[in-house]
Amino acid sequence: LLATLVLIFAFQADNITGKALHVALIAVPILIQVYFNSSLTYGLMRL
């Protein structure tokens, strides 16, 4: 799994570094989803 990730990022380095807006457009919703799911789970467990 780690080797696959390294290879994917190595072969896509130009796309990742050259298209920062596209990376942000993908990363921001994922971060929002992770924080939302974590907060929801934490809140429900406390409730």
PDB file of all heavy atoms in Angstrom:
ATOM      1  N   LEU A   1       0.827  -1.199   0.000  1.00  0.00           N
ATOM      2  CA  LEU A   1       0.000   0.000   0.000  1.00  0.00           C
ATOM      3  C   LEU A   1       0.866   1.255   0.000  1.00  0.00           C
ATOM      4  O   LEU A   1       0.632   2.195  -0.779  1.00  0.00           O
ATOM      5  CB  LEU A   1      -0.935   0.004   1.208  1.00  0.00           C
ATOM      6  CG  LEU A   1      -1.782   1.261   1.383  1.00  0.00           C
ATOM      7  CD1 LEU A   1      -2.723   1.459   0.207  1.00  0.00           C
ATOM      8  CD2 LEU A   1      -2.559   1.171   2.681  1.00  0.00           C
ATOM      9  N   LEU A   2       1.878   1.290   0.856  1.00  0.00           N
ATOM     10  CA  LEU A   2       2.772   2.446   0.900  1.00  0.00           C
ATOM     11  C   LEU A   2       3.532   2.623  -0.409  1.00  0.00           C
ATOM     12  O   LEU A   2       3.699   3.747  -0.895  1.00  0.00           O
ATOM     13  CB  LEU A   2       3.739   2.321   2.068  1.00  0.00           C
ATOM     14  CG  LEU A   2       3.117   2.482   3.453  1.00  0.00           C
ATOM     15  CD1 LEU A   2       4.151   2.186   4.528  1.00  0.00           C
ATOM     16  CD2 LEU A   2       2.552   3.877   3.632  1.00  0.00           C
ATOM     17  N   ALA A   3       3.984   1.539  -0.988  1.00  0.00           N
ATOM     18  CA  ALA A   3       4.694   1.623  -2.272  1.00  0.00           C
ATOM     19  C   ALA A   3       3.765   2.146  -3.364  1.00  0.00           C
ATOM     20  O   ALA A   3       4.181   2.965  -4.200  1.00  0.00           O
ATOM     21  CB  ALA A   3       5.245   0.254  -2.658  1.00  0.00           C
ATOM     22  N   THR A   4       2.519   1.719  -3.362  1.00  0.00           N
ATOM     23  CA  THR A   4       1.545   2.207  -4.339  1.00  0.00           C
ATOM     24  C   THR A   4       1.340   3.702  -4.197  1.00  0.00           C
ATOM     25  O   THR A   4       1.335   4.441  -5.190  1.00  0.00           O
ATOM     26  CB  THR A   4       0.207   1.465  -4.167  1.00  0.00           C
ATOM     27  OG1 THR A   4       0.423   0.068  -4.322  1.00  0.00           O
ATOM     28  CG2 THR A   4      -0.811   1.942  -5.181  1.00  0.00           C
ATOM     29  N   LEU A   5       1.183   4.174  -2.959  1.00  0.00           N
ATOM     30  CA  LEU A   5       0.999   5.612  -2.732  1.00  0.00           C
ATOM     31  C   LEU A   5       2.218   6.415  -3.179  1.00  0.00           C
ATOM     32  O   LEU A   5       2.081   7.466  -3.815  1.00  0.00           O
ATOM     33  CB  LEU A   5       0.692   5.882  -1.264  1.00  0.00           C
ATOM     34  CG  LEU A   5      -0.669   5.400  -0.777  1.00  0.00           C
ATOM     35  CD1 LEU A   5      -0.781   5.581   0.723  1.00  0.00           C
ATOM     36  CD2 LEU A   5      -1.776   6.129  -1.499  1.00  0.00           C
ATOM     37  N   VAL A   6       3.402   5.913  -2.858  1.00  0.00           N
ATOM     38  CA  VAL A   6       4.622   6.610  -3.255  1.00  0.00           C
ATOM     39  C   VAL A   6       4.716   6.685  -4.775  1.00  0.00           C
ATOM     40  O   VAL A   6       5.031   7.742  -5.347  1.00  0.00           O
ATOM     41  CB  VAL A   6       5.874   5.922  -2.657  1.00  0.00           C
ATOM     42  CG1 VAL A   6       7.149   6.423  -3.303  1.00  0.00           C
ATOM     43  CG2 VAL A   6       5.910   6.132  -1.158  1.00  0.00           C
ATOM     44  N   LEU A   7       4.424   5.594  -5.448  1.00  0.00           N
ATOM     45  CA  LEU A   7       4.498   5.589  -6.911  1.00  0.00           C
ATOM     46  C   LEU A   7       3.458   6.509  -7.538  1.00  0.00           C
ATOM     47  O   LEU A   7       3.753   7.231  -8.505  1.00  0.00           O
ATOM     48  CB  LEU A   7       4.334   4.162  -7.440  1.00  0.00           C
ATOM     49  CG  LEU A   7       5.513   3.238  -7.195  1.00  0.00           C
ATOM     50  CD1 LEU A   7       5.183   1.814  -7.610  1.00  0.00           C
ATOM     51  CD2 LEU A   7       6.739   3.738  -7.930  1.00  0.00           C
ATOM     52  N   ILE A   8       2.243   6.499  -6.999  1.00  0.00           N
ATOM     53  CA  ILE A   8       1.198   7.378  -7.531  1.00  0.00           C
ATOM     54  C   ILE A   8       1.624   8.834  -7.401  1.00  0.00           C
ATOM     55  O   ILE A   8       1.537   9.617  -8.356  1.00  0.00           O
ATOM     56  CB  ILE A   8      -0.144   7.130  -6.822  1.00  0.00           C
ATOM     57  CG1 ILE A   8      -0.738   5.802  -7.282  1.00  0.00           C
ATOM     58  CG2 ILE A   8      -1.125   8.268  -7.099  1.00  0.00           C
ATOM     59  CD1 ILE A   8      -1.960   5.380  -6.486  1.00  0.00           C
ATOM     60  N   PHE A   9       2.098   9.219  -6.209  1.00  0.00           N
ATOM     61  CA  PHE A   9       2.506  10.600  -6.012  1.00  0.00           C
ATOM     62  C   PHE A   9       3.767  10.932  -6.808  1.00  0.00           C
ATOM     63  O   PHE A   9       3.931  12.059  -7.273  1.00  0.00           O
ATOM     64  CB  PHE A   9       2.685  10.909  -4.524  1.00  0.00           C
ATOM     65  CG  PHE A   9       1.382  11.117  -3.824  1.00  0.00           C
ATOM     66  CD1 PHE A   9       0.854  10.130  -3.016  1.00  0.00           C
ATOM     67  CD2 PHE A   9       0.677  12.297  -3.976  1.00  0.00           C
ATOM     68  CE1 PHE A   9      -0.353  10.314  -2.366  1.00  0.00           C
ATOM     69  CE2 PHE A   9      -0.533  12.499  -3.343  1.00  0.00           C
ATOM     70  CZ  PHE A   9      -1.050  11.506  -2.525  1.00  0.00           C
ATOM     71  N   ALA A  10       4.658   9.983  -6.985  1.00  0.00           N
ATOM     72  CA  ALA A  10       5.879  10.246  -7.756  1.00  0.00           C
ATOM     73  C   ALA A  10       5.548  10.505  -9.223  1.00  0.00           C
ATOM     74  O   ALA A  10       6.098  11.432  -9.837  1.00  0.00           O
ATOM     75  CB  ALA A  10       6.836   9.073  -7.630  1.00  0.00           C
ATOM     76  N   PHE A  11       4.643   9.709  -9.784  1.00  0.00           N
ATOM     77  CA  PHE A  11       4.302   9.878 -11.196  1.00  0.00           C
ATOM     78  C   PHE A  11       3.375  11.066 -11.439  1.00  0.00           C
ATOM     79  O   PHE A  11       3.272  11.553 -12.560  1.00  0.00           O
ATOM     80  CB  PHE A  11       3.686   8.601 -11.765  1.00  0.00           C
ATOM     81  CG  PHE A  11       4.684   7.512 -11.992  1.00  0.00           C
ATOM     82  CD1 PHE A  11       4.584   6.314 -11.310  1.00  0.00           C
ATOM     83  CD2 PHE A  11       5.740   7.675 -12.880  1.00  0.00           C
ATOM     84  CE1 PHE A  11       5.511   5.304 -11.506  1.00  0.00           C
ATOM     85  CE2 PHE A  11       6.669   6.677 -13.086  1.00  0.00           C
ATOM     86  CZ  PHE A  11       6.554   5.483 -12.402  1.00  0.00           C
ATOM     87  N   GLN A  12       2.684  11.520 -10.398  1.00  0.00           N
ATOM     88  CA  GLN A  12       1.766  12.649 -10.547  1.00  0.00           C
ATOM     89  C   GLN A  12       2.311  13.937  -9.919  1.00  0.00           C
ATOM     90  O   GLN A  12       1.556  14.873  -9.688  1.00  0.00           O
ATOM     91  CB  GLN A  12       0.414  12.298  -9.914  1.00  0.00           C
ATOM     92  CG  GLN A  12      -0.313  11.168 -10.597  1.00  0.00           C
ATOM     93  CD  GLN A  12      -0.638  11.485 -12.051  1.00  0.00           C
ATOM     94  OE1 GLN A  12      -0.998  12.609 -12.381  1.00  0.00           O
ATOM     95  NE2 GLN A  12      -0.504  10.489 -12.913  1.00  0.00           N
ATOM     96  N   ALA A  13       3.596  13.984  -9.646  1.00  0.00           N
ATOM     97  CA  ALA A  13       4.191  15.143  -8.974  1.00  0.00           C
ATOM     98  C   ALA A  13       3.964  16.434  -9.764  1.00  0.00           C
ATOM     99  O   ALA A  13       3.660  17.478  -9.177  1.00  0.00           O
ATOM    100  CB  ALA A  13       5.675  14.921  -8.754  1.00  0.00           C
ATOM    101  N   ASP A  14       4.080  16.391 -11.082  1.00  0.00           N
ATOM    102  CA  ASP A  14       3.872  17.589 -11.890  1.00  0.00           C
ATOM    103  C   ASP A  14       2.435  18.100 -11.775  1.00  0.00           C
ATOM    104  O   ASP A  14       2.197  19.294 -11.678  1.00  0.00           O
ATOM    105  CB  ASP A  14       4.203  17.317 -13.359  1.00  0.00           C
ATOM    106  CG  ASP A  14       5.683  17.062 -13.584  1.00  0.00           C
ATOM    107  OD1 ASP A  14       6.480  17.514 -12.733  1.00  0.00           O
ATOM    108  OD2 ASP A  14       6.022  16.413 -14.580  1.00  0.00           O
ATOM    109  N   ASN A  15       1.492  17.171 -11.792  1.00  0.00           N
ATOM    110  CA  ASN A  15       0.084  17.576 -11.664  1.00  0.00           C
ATOM    111  C   ASN A  15      -0.208  18.145 -10.283  1.00  0.00           C
ATOM    112  O   ASN A  15      -0.960  19.107 -10.151  1.00  0.00           O
ATOM    113  CB  ASN A  15      -0.850  16.403 -11.939  1.00  0.00           C
ATOM    114  CG  ASN A  15      -0.904  16.058 -13.402  1.00  0.00           C
ATOM    115  OD1 ASN A  15      -0.775  16.927 -14.257  1.00  0.00           O
ATOM    116  ND2 ASN A  15      -1.093  14.783 -13.699  1.00  0.00           N
ATOM    117  N   ILE A  16       0.372  17.553  -9.265  1.00  0.00           N
ATOM    118  CA  ILE A  16       0.101  18.000  -7.889  1.00  0.00           C
ATOM    119  C   ILE A  16       0.712  19.367  -7.646  1.00  0.00           C
ATOM    120  O   ILE A  16       0.060  20.258  -7.095  1.00  0.00           O
ATOM    121  CB  ILE A  16       0.630  16.964  -6.875  1.00  0.00           C
ATOM    122  CG1 ILE A  16      -0.191  15.673  -6.971  1.00  0.00           C
ATOM    123  CG2 ILE A  16       0.573  17.508  -5.462  1.00  0.00           C
ATOM    124  CD1 ILE A  16       0.385  14.517  -6.204  1.00  0.00           C
ATOM    125  N   THR A  17       1.954  19.552  -8.062  1.00  0.00           N
ATOM    126  CA  THR A  17       2.613  20.834  -7.808  1.00  0.00           C
ATOM    127  C   THR A  17       2.169  21.918  -8.780  1.00  0.00           C
ATOM    128  O   THR A  17       2.155  23.091  -8.438  1.00  0.00           O
ATOM    129  CB  THR A  17       4.145  20.682  -7.879  1.00  0.00           C
ATOM    130  OG1 THR A  17       4.502  20.161  -9.163  1.00  0.00           O
ATOM    131  CG2 THR A  17       4.644  19.776  -6.780  1.00  0.00           C
ATOM    132  N   GLY A  18       1.793  21.551  -9.976  1.00  0.00           N
ATOM    133  CA  GLY A  18       1.416  22.530 -10.985  1.00  0.00           C
ATOM    134  C   GLY A  18      -0.034  22.960 -10.935  1.00  0.00           C
ATOM    135  O   GLY A  18      -0.401  23.988 -11.507  1.00  0.00           O
ATOM    136  N   LYS A  19      -0.862  22.194 -10.285  1.00  0.00           N
ATOM    137  CA  LYS A  19      -2.295  22.502 -10.246  1.00  0.00           C
ATOM    138  C   LYS A  19      -2.776  22.567  -8.802  1.00  0.00           C
ATOM    139  O   LYS A  19      -3.610  21.780  -8.358  1.00  0.00           O
ATOM    140  CB  LYS A  19      -3.068  21.447 -11.025  1.00  0.00           C
ATOM    141  CG  LYS A  19      -2.665  21.377 -12.484  1.00  0.00           C
ATOM    142  CD  LYS A  19      -3.390  20.291 -13.218  1.00  0.00           C
ATOM    143  CE  LYS A  19      -2.904  20.238 -14.661  1.00  0.00           C
ATOM    144  NZ  LYS A  19      -3.475  19.120 -15.386  1.00  0.00           N
ATOM    145  N   ALA A  20      -2.236  23.532  -8.081  1.00  0.00           N
ATOM    146  CA  ALA A  20      -2.547  23.651  -6.656  1.00  0.00           C
ATOM    147  C   ALA A  20      -4.026  23.912  -6.418  1.00  0.00           C
ATOM    148  O   ALA A  20      -4.598  23.421  -5.436  1.00  0.00           O
ATOM    149  CB  ALA A  20      -1.716  24.762  -6.033  1.00  0.00           C
ATOM    150  N   LEU A  21      -4.672  24.668  -7.293  1.00  0.00           N
ATOM    151  CA  LEU A  21      -6.101  24.943  -7.122  1.00  0.00           C
ATOM    152  C   LEU A  21      -6.919  23.658  -7.203  1.00  0.00           C
ATOM    153  O   LEU A  21      -7.828  23.431  -6.406  1.00  0.00           O
ATOM    154  CB  LEU A  21      -6.587  25.950  -8.164  1.00  0.00           C
ATOM    155  CG  LEU A  21      -8.080  26.280  -8.103  1.00  0.00           C
ATOM    156  CD1 LEU A  21      -8.414  26.945  -6.766  1.00  0.00           C
ATOM    157  CD2 LEU A  21      -8.483  27.163  -9.269  1.00  0.00           C
ATOM    158  N   HIS A  22      -6.576  22.791  -8.137  1.00  0.00           N
ATOM    159  CA  HIS A  22      -7.291  21.518  -8.268  1.00  0.00           C
ATOM    160  C   HIS A  22      -7.100  20.645  -7.026  1.00  0.00           C
ATOM    161  O   HIS A  22      -8.043  19.996  -6.561  1.00  0.00           O
ATOM    162  CB  HIS A  22      -6.834  20.768  -9.517  1.00  0.00           C
ATOM    163  CG  HIS A  22      -7.195  21.462 -10.790  1.00  0.00           C
ATOM    164  ND1 HIS A  22      -6.298  21.625 -11.802  1.00  0.00           N
ATOM    165  CD2 HIS A  22      -8.345  22.045 -11.211  1.00  0.00           C
ATOM    166  CE1 HIS A  22      -6.871  22.277 -12.794  1.00  0.00           C
ATOM    167  NE2 HIS A  22      -8.121  22.544 -12.455  1.00  0.00           N
ATOM    168  N   VAL A  23      -5.891  20.643  -6.516  1.00  0.00           N
ATOM    169  CA  VAL A  23      -5.614  19.873  -5.296  1.00  0.00           C
ATOM    170  C   VAL A  23      -6.432  20.426  -4.135  1.00  0.00           C
ATOM    171  O   VAL A  23      -7.040  19.680  -3.365  1.00  0.00           O
ATOM    172  CB  VAL A  23      -4.104  19.887  -4.971  1.00  0.00           C
ATOM    173  CG1 VAL A  23      -3.828  19.257  -3.616  1.00  0.00           C
ATOM    174  CG2 VAL A  23      -3.322  19.178  -6.062  1.00  0.00           C
ATOM    175  N   ALA A  24      -6.491  21.746  -4.016  1.00  0.00           N
ATOM    176  CA  ALA A  24      -7.282  22.363  -2.939  1.00  0.00           C
ATOM    177  C   ALA A  24      -8.771  22.074  -3.105  1.00  0.00           C
ATOM    178  O   ALA A  24      -9.472  21.835  -2.120  1.00  0.00           O
ATOM    179  CB  ALA A  24      -7.038  23.867  -2.905  1.00  0.00           C
ATOM    180  N   LEU A  25      -9.246  22.088  -4.345  1.00  0.00           N
ATOM    181  CA  LEU A  25     -10.663  21.804  -4.590  1.00  0.00           C
ATOM    182  C   LEU A  25     -11.029  20.371  -4.212  1.00  0.00           C
ATOM    183  O   LEU A  25     -12.186  20.078  -3.910  1.00  0.00           O
ATOM    184  CB  LEU A  25     -11.020  22.069  -6.058  1.00  0.00           C
ATOM    185  CG  LEU A  25     -11.067  23.533  -6.469  1.00  0.00           C
ATOM    186  CD1 LEU A  25     -11.267  23.650  -7.975  1.00  0.00           C
ATOM    187  CD2 LEU A  25     -12.182  24.255  -5.722  1.00  0.00           C
ATOM    188  N   ILE A  26     -10.067  19.499  -4.225  1.00  0.00           N
ATOM    189  CA  ILE A  26     -10.304  18.120  -3.801  1.00  0.00           C
ATOM    190  C   ILE A  26     -10.077  17.975  -2.302  1.00  0.00           C
ATOM    191  O   ILE A  26     -10.852  17.318  -1.597  1.00  0.00           O
ATOM    192  CB  ILE A  26      -9.386  17.156  -4.586  1.00  0.00           C
ATOM    193  CG1 ILE A  26      -9.779  17.156  -6.057  1.00  0.00           C
ATOM    194  CG2 ILE A  26      -9.454  15.747  -4.007  1.00  0.00           C
ATOM    195  CD1 ILE A  26      -8.791  16.454  -6.956  1.00  0.00           C
ATOM    196  N   ALA A  27      -9.021  18.604  -1.783  1.00  0.00           N
ATOM    197  CA  ALA A  27      -8.633  18.407  -0.384  1.00  0.00           C
ATOM    198  C   ALA A  27      -9.595  19.063   0.601  1.00  0.00           C
ATOM    199  O   ALA A  27      -9.890  18.490   1.653  1.00  0.00           O
ATOM    200  CB  ALA A  27      -7.223  18.930  -0.163  1.00  0.00           C
ATOM    201  N   VAL A  28     -10.079  20.255   0.287  1.00  0.00           N
ATOM    202  CA  VAL A  28     -10.935  20.979   1.238  1.00  0.00           C
ATOM    203  C   VAL A  28     -12.225  20.220   1.539  1.00  0.00           C
ATOM    204  O   VAL A  28     -12.566  20.035   2.715  1.00  0.00           O
ATOM    205  CB  VAL A  28     -11.195  22.427   0.748  1.00  0.00           C
ATOM    206  CG1 VAL A  28     -12.271  23.099   1.578  1.00  0.00           C
ATOM    207  CG2 VAL A  28      -9.903  23.220   0.793  1.00  0.00           C
ATOM    208  N   PRO A  29     -12.978  19.737   0.550  1.00  0.00           N
ATOM    209  CA  PRO A  29     -14.188  18.972   0.889  1.00  0.00           C
ATOM    210  C   PRO A  29     -13.889  17.697   1.676  1.00  0.00           C
ATOM    211  O   PRO A  29     -14.663  17.302   2.548  1.00  0.00           O
ATOM    212  CB  PRO A  29     -14.807  18.634  -0.459  1.00  0.00           C
ATOM    213  CG  PRO A  29     -14.247  19.624  -1.400  1.00  0.00           C
ATOM    214  CD  PRO A  29     -12.888  19.973  -0.879  1.00  0.00           C
ATOM    215  N   ILE A  30     -12.760  17.065   1.382  1.00  0.00           N
ATOM    216  CA  ILE A  30     -12.399  15.857   2.131  1.00  0.00           C
ATOM    217  C   ILE A  30     -12.110  16.207   3.582  1.00  0.00           C
ATOM    218  O   ILE A  30     -12.543  15.497   4.504  1.00  0.00           O
ATOM    219  CB  ILE A  30     -11.202  15.142   1.464  1.00  0.00           C
ATOM    220  CG1 ILE A  30     -11.637  14.563   0.122  1.00  0.00           C
ATOM    221  CG2 ILE A  30     -10.650  14.047   2.368  1.00  0.00           C
ATOM    222  CD1 ILE A  30     -10.510  14.001  -0.709  1.00  0.00           C
ATOM    223  N   LEU A  31     -11.389  17.285   3.818  1.00  0.00           N
ATOM    224  CA  LEU A  31     -11.120  17.723   5.198  1.00  0.00           C
ATOM    225  C   LEU A  31     -12.416  18.066   5.926  1.00  0.00           C
ATOM    226  O   LEU A  31     -12.597  17.695   7.092  1.00  0.00           O
ATOM    227  CB  LEU A  31     -10.183  18.919   5.202  1.00  0.00           C
ATOM    228  CG  LEU A  31      -8.718  18.619   4.962  1.00  0.00           C
ATOM    229  CD1 LEU A  31      -7.932  19.911   4.812  1.00  0.00           C
ATOM    230  CD2 LEU A  31      -8.160  17.787   6.095  1.00  0.00           C
ATOM    231  N   ILE A  32     -13.317  18.777   5.249  1.00  0.00           N
ATOM    232  CA  ILE A  32     -14.604  19.111   5.863  1.00  0.00           C
ATOM    233  C   ILE A  32     -15.362  17.845   6.227  1.00  0.00           C
ATOM    234  O   ILE A  32     -15.931  17.727   7.311  1.00  0.00           O
ATOM    235  CB  ILE A  32     -15.430  20.014   4.924  1.00  0.00           C
ATOM    236  CG1 ILE A  32     -14.767  21.383   4.802  1.00  0.00           C
ATOM    237  CG2 ILE A  32     -16.871  20.148   5.415  1.00  0.00           C
ATOM    238  CD1 ILE A  32     -15.368  22.267   3.726  1.00  0.00           C
ATOM    239  N   GLN A  33     -15.364  16.876   5.333  1.00  0.00           N
ATOM    240  CA  GLN A  33     -16.060  15.610   5.594  1.00  0.00           C
ATOM    241  C   GLN A  33     -15.456  14.887   6.792  1.00  0.00           C
ATOM    242  O   GLN A  33     -16.184  14.372   7.647  1.00  0.00           O
ATOM    243  CB  GLN A  33     -15.994  14.721   4.358  1.00  0.00           C
ATOM    244  CG  GLN A  33     -16.642  13.366   4.569  1.00  0.00           C
ATOM    245  CD  GLN A  33     -16.447  12.447   3.375  1.00  0.00           C
ATOM    246  OE1 GLN A  33     -15.840  12.816   2.379  1.00  0.00           O
ATOM    247  NE2 GLN A  33     -16.963  11.244   3.480  1.00  0.00           N
ATOM    248  N   VAL A  34     -14.134  14.829   6.871  1.00  0.00           N
ATOM    249  CA  VAL A  34     -13.482  14.135   7.984  1.00  0.00           C
ATOM    250  C   VAL A  34     -13.815  14.810   9.305  1.00  0.00           C
ATOM    251  O   VAL A  34     -14.185  14.145  10.285  1.00  0.00           O
ATOM    252  CB  VAL A  34     -11.960  14.069   7.754  1.00  0.00           C
ATOM    253  CG1 VAL A  34     -11.225  13.651   9.020  1.00  0.00           C
ATOM    254  CG2 VAL A  34     -11.642  13.122   6.623  1.00  0.00           C
ATOM    255  N   TYR A  35     -13.709  16.144   9.355  1.00  0.00           N
ATOM    256  CA  TYR A  35     -14.034  16.858  10.589  1.00  0.00           C
ATOM    257  C   TYR A  35     -15.504  16.728  10.949  1.00  0.00           C
ATOM    258  O   TYR A  35     -15.859  16.570  12.116  1.00  0.00           O
ATOM    259  CB  TYR A  35     -13.628  18.334  10.489  1.00  0.00           C
ATOM    260  CG  TYR A  35     -12.159  18.542  10.690  1.00  0.00           C
ATOM    261  CD1 TYR A  35     -11.365  19.032   9.659  1.00  0.00           C
ATOM    262  CD2 TYR A  35     -11.547  18.249  11.895  1.00  0.00           C
ATOM    263  CE1 TYR A  35     -10.014  19.226   9.835  1.00  0.00           C
ATOM    264  CE2 TYR A  35     -10.190  18.432  12.084  1.00  0.00           C
ATOM    265  CZ  TYR A  35      -9.434  18.928  11.050  1.00  0.00           C
ATOM    266  OH  TYR A  35      -8.088  19.107  11.234  1.00  0.00           O
ATOM    267  N   PHE A  36     -16.392  16.774   9.969  1.00  0.00           N
ATOM    268  CA  PHE A  36     -17.821  16.614  10.234  1.00  0.00           C
ATOM    269  C   PHE A  36     -18.127  15.231  10.792  1.00  0.00           C
ATOM    270  O   PHE A  36     -18.828  15.093  11.794  1.00  0.00           O
ATOM    271  CB  PHE A  36     -18.637  16.869   8.960  1.00  0.00           C
ATOM    272  CG  PHE A  36     -20.101  16.571   9.133  1.00  0.00           C
ATOM    273  CD1 PHE A  36     -20.918  17.462   9.808  1.00  0.00           C
ATOM    274  CD2 PHE A  36     -20.656  15.402   8.644  1.00  0.00           C
ATOM    275  CE1 PHE A  36     -22.270  17.196   9.995  1.00  0.00           C
ATOM    276  CE2 PHE A  36     -21.989  15.119   8.812  1.00  0.00           C
ATOM    277  CZ  PHE A  36     -22.806  16.022   9.490  1.00  0.00           C
ATOM    278  N   ASN A  37     -17.601  14.202  10.136  1.00  0.00           N
ATOM    279  CA  ASN A  37     -17.867  12.837  10.599  1.00  0.00           C
ATOM    280  C   ASN A  37     -17.303  12.599  11.992  1.00  0.00           C
ATOM    281  O   ASN A  37     -17.950  11.958  12.834  1.00  0.00           O
ATOM    282  CB  ASN A  37     -17.288  11.816   9.617  1.00  0.00           C
ATOM    283  CG  ASN A  37     -18.062  11.748   8.327  1.00  0.00           C
ATOM    284  OD1 ASN A  37     -19.201  12.199   8.247  1.00  0.00           O
ATOM    285  ND2 ASN A  37     -17.442  11.209   7.300  1.00  0.00           N
ATOM    286  N   SER A  38     -16.108  13.095  12.254  1.00  0.00           N
ATOM    287  CA  SER A  38     -15.508  12.931  13.575  1.00  0.00           C
ATOM    288  C   SER A  38     -16.318  13.650  14.644  1.00  0.00           C
ATOM    289  O   SER A  38     -16.571  13.109  15.719  1.00  0.00           O
ATOM    290  CB  SER A  38     -14.073  13.459  13.585  1.00  0.00           C
ATOM    291  OG  SER A  38     -13.299  12.764  12.653  1.00  0.00           O
ATOM    292  N   SER A  39     -16.730  14.868  14.339  1.00  0.00           N
ATOM    293  CA  SER A  39     -17.529  15.639  15.298  1.00  0.00           C
ATOM    294  C   SER A  39     -18.876  14.988  15.544  1.00  0.00           C
ATOM    295  O   SER A  39     -19.358  14.926  16.684  1.00  0.00           O
ATOM    296  CB  SER A  39     -17.728  17.069  14.796  1.00  0.00           C
ATOM    297  OG  SER A  39     -16.503  17.702  14.613  1.00  0.00           O
ATOM    298  N   LEU A  40     -19.507  14.513  14.496  1.00  0.00           N
ATOM    299  CA  LEU A  40     -20.806  13.850  14.631  1.00  0.00           C
ATOM    300  C   LEU A  40     -20.685  12.596  15.495  1.00  0.00           C
ATOM    301  O   LEU A  40     -21.486  12.377  16.407  1.00  0.00           O
ATOM    302  CB  LEU A  40     -21.358  13.488  13.255  1.00  0.00           C
ATOM    303  CG  LEU A  40     -22.701  12.761  13.236  1.00  0.00           C
ATOM    304  CD1 LEU A  40     -23.801  13.663  13.790  1.00  0.00           C
ATOM    305  CD2 LEU A  40     -23.028  12.319  11.826  1.00  0.00           C
ATOM    306  N   THR A  41     -19.665  11.806  15.238  1.00  0.00           N
ATOM    307  CA  THR A  41     -19.459  10.590  16.023  1.00  0.00           C
ATOM    308  C   THR A  41     -19.183  10.923  17.479  1.00  0.00           C
ATOM    309  O   THR A  41     -19.760  10.321  18.388  1.00  0.00           O
ATOM    310  CB  THR A  41     -18.297   9.777  15.435  1.00  0.00           C
ATOM    311  OG1 THR A  41     -18.587   9.477  14.077  1.00  0.00           O
ATOM    312  CG2 THR A  41     -18.077   8.496  16.203  1.00  0.00           C
ATOM    313  N   TYR A  42     -18.325  11.900  17.708  1.00  0.00           N
ATOM    314  CA  TYR A  42     -18.015  12.315  19.084  1.00  0.00           C
ATOM    315  C   TYR A  42     -19.279  12.795  19.793  1.00  0.00           C
ATOM    316  O   TYR A  42     -19.551  12.414  20.934  1.00  0.00           O
ATOM    317  CB  TYR A  42     -16.958  13.425  19.059  1.00  0.00           C
ATOM    318  CG  TYR A  42     -16.614  13.949  20.431  1.00  0.00           C
ATOM    319  CD1 TYR A  42     -15.779  13.231  21.271  1.00  0.00           C
ATOM    320  CD2 TYR A  42     -17.130  15.158  20.877  1.00  0.00           C
ATOM    321  CE1 TYR A  42     -15.461  13.705  22.535  1.00  0.00           C
ATOM    322  CE2 TYR A  42     -16.822  15.645  22.136  1.00  0.00           C
ATOM    323  CZ  TYR A  42     -15.989  14.918  22.959  1.00  0.00           C
ATOM    324  OH  TYR A  42     -15.676  15.389  24.203  1.00  0.00           O
ATOM    325  N   GLY A  43     -20.051  13.635  19.111  1.00  0.00           N
ATOM    326  CA  GLY A  43     -21.286  14.150  19.711  1.00  0.00           C
ATOM    327  C   GLY A  43     -22.292  13.062  20.017  1.00  0.00           C
ATOM    328  O   GLY A  43     -22.922  13.057  21.085  1.00  0.00           O
ATOM    329  N   LEU A  44     -22.459  12.130  19.109  1.00  0.00           N
ATOM    330  CA  LEU A  44     -23.414  11.041  19.338  1.00  0.00           C
ATOM    331  C   LEU A  44     -22.962  10.126  20.475  1.00  0.00           C
ATOM    332  O   LEU A  44     -23.787   9.669  21.272  1.00  0.00           O
ATOM    333  CB  LEU A  44     -23.610  10.230  18.058  1.00  0.00           C
ATOM    334  CG  LEU A  44     -24.412  10.923  16.958  1.00  0.00           C
ATOM    335  CD1 LEU A  44     -24.377  10.101  15.675  1.00  0.00           C
ATOM    336  CD2 LEU A  44     -25.841  11.164  17.403  1.00  0.00           C
ATOM    337  N   MET A  45     -21.683   9.873  20.553  1.00  0.00           N
ATOM    338  CA  MET A  45     -21.181   9.032  21.640  1.00  0.00           C
ATOM    339  C   MET A  45     -21.399   9.718  22.994  1.00  0.00           C
ATOM    340  O   MET A  45     -21.750   9.074  23.978  1.00  0.00           O
ATOM    341  CB  MET A  45     -19.699   8.709  21.450  1.00  0.00           C
ATOM    342  CG  MET A  45     -19.391   7.831  20.256  1.00  0.00           C
ATOM    343  SD  MET A  45     -20.177   6.217  20.337  1.00  0.00           S
ATOM    344  CE  MET A  45     -21.279   6.326  18.947  1.00  0.00           C
ATOM    345  N   ARG A  46     -21.204  11.028  23.044  1.00  0.00           N
ATOM    346  CA  ARG A  46     -21.467  11.766  24.302  1.00  0.00           C
ATOM    347  C   ARG A  46     -22.957  11.814  24.609  1.00  0.00           C
ATOM    348  O   ARG A  46     -23.362  11.670  25.756  1.00  0.00           O
ATOM    349  CB  ARG A  46     -20.906  13.176  24.216  1.00  0.00           C
ATOM    350  CG  ARG A  46     -19.414  13.142  24.216  1.00  0.00           C
ATOM    351  CD  ARG A  46     -18.736  14.227  24.878  1.00  0.00           C
ATOM    352  NE  ARG A  46     -19.401  14.865  25.995  1.00  0.00           N
ATOM    353  CZ  ARG A  46     -18.759  15.392  26.998  1.00  0.00           C
ATOM    354  NH1 ARG A  46     -17.453  15.304  27.014  1.00  0.00           N
ATOM    355  NH2 ARG A  46     -19.380  15.995  27.960  1.00  0.00           N
ATOM    356  N   LEU A  47     -23.773  12.026  23.581  1.00  0.00           N
ATOM    357  CA  LEU A  47     -25.226  12.098  23.767  1.00  0.00           C
ATOM    358  C   LEU A  47     -25.773  10.790  24.335  1.00  0.00           C
ATOM    359  O   LEU A  47     -26.600  10.796  25.247  1.00  0.00           O
ATOM    360  CB  LEU A  47     -25.916  12.425  22.442  1.00  0.00           C
ATOM    361  CG  LEU A  47     -27.439  12.478  22.466  1.00  0.00           C
ATOM    362  CD1 LEU A  47     -27.910  13.679  23.273  1.00  0.00           C
ATOM    363  CD2 LEU A  47     -27.982  12.533  21.047  1.00  0.00           C
TER     364      LEU A  47
END
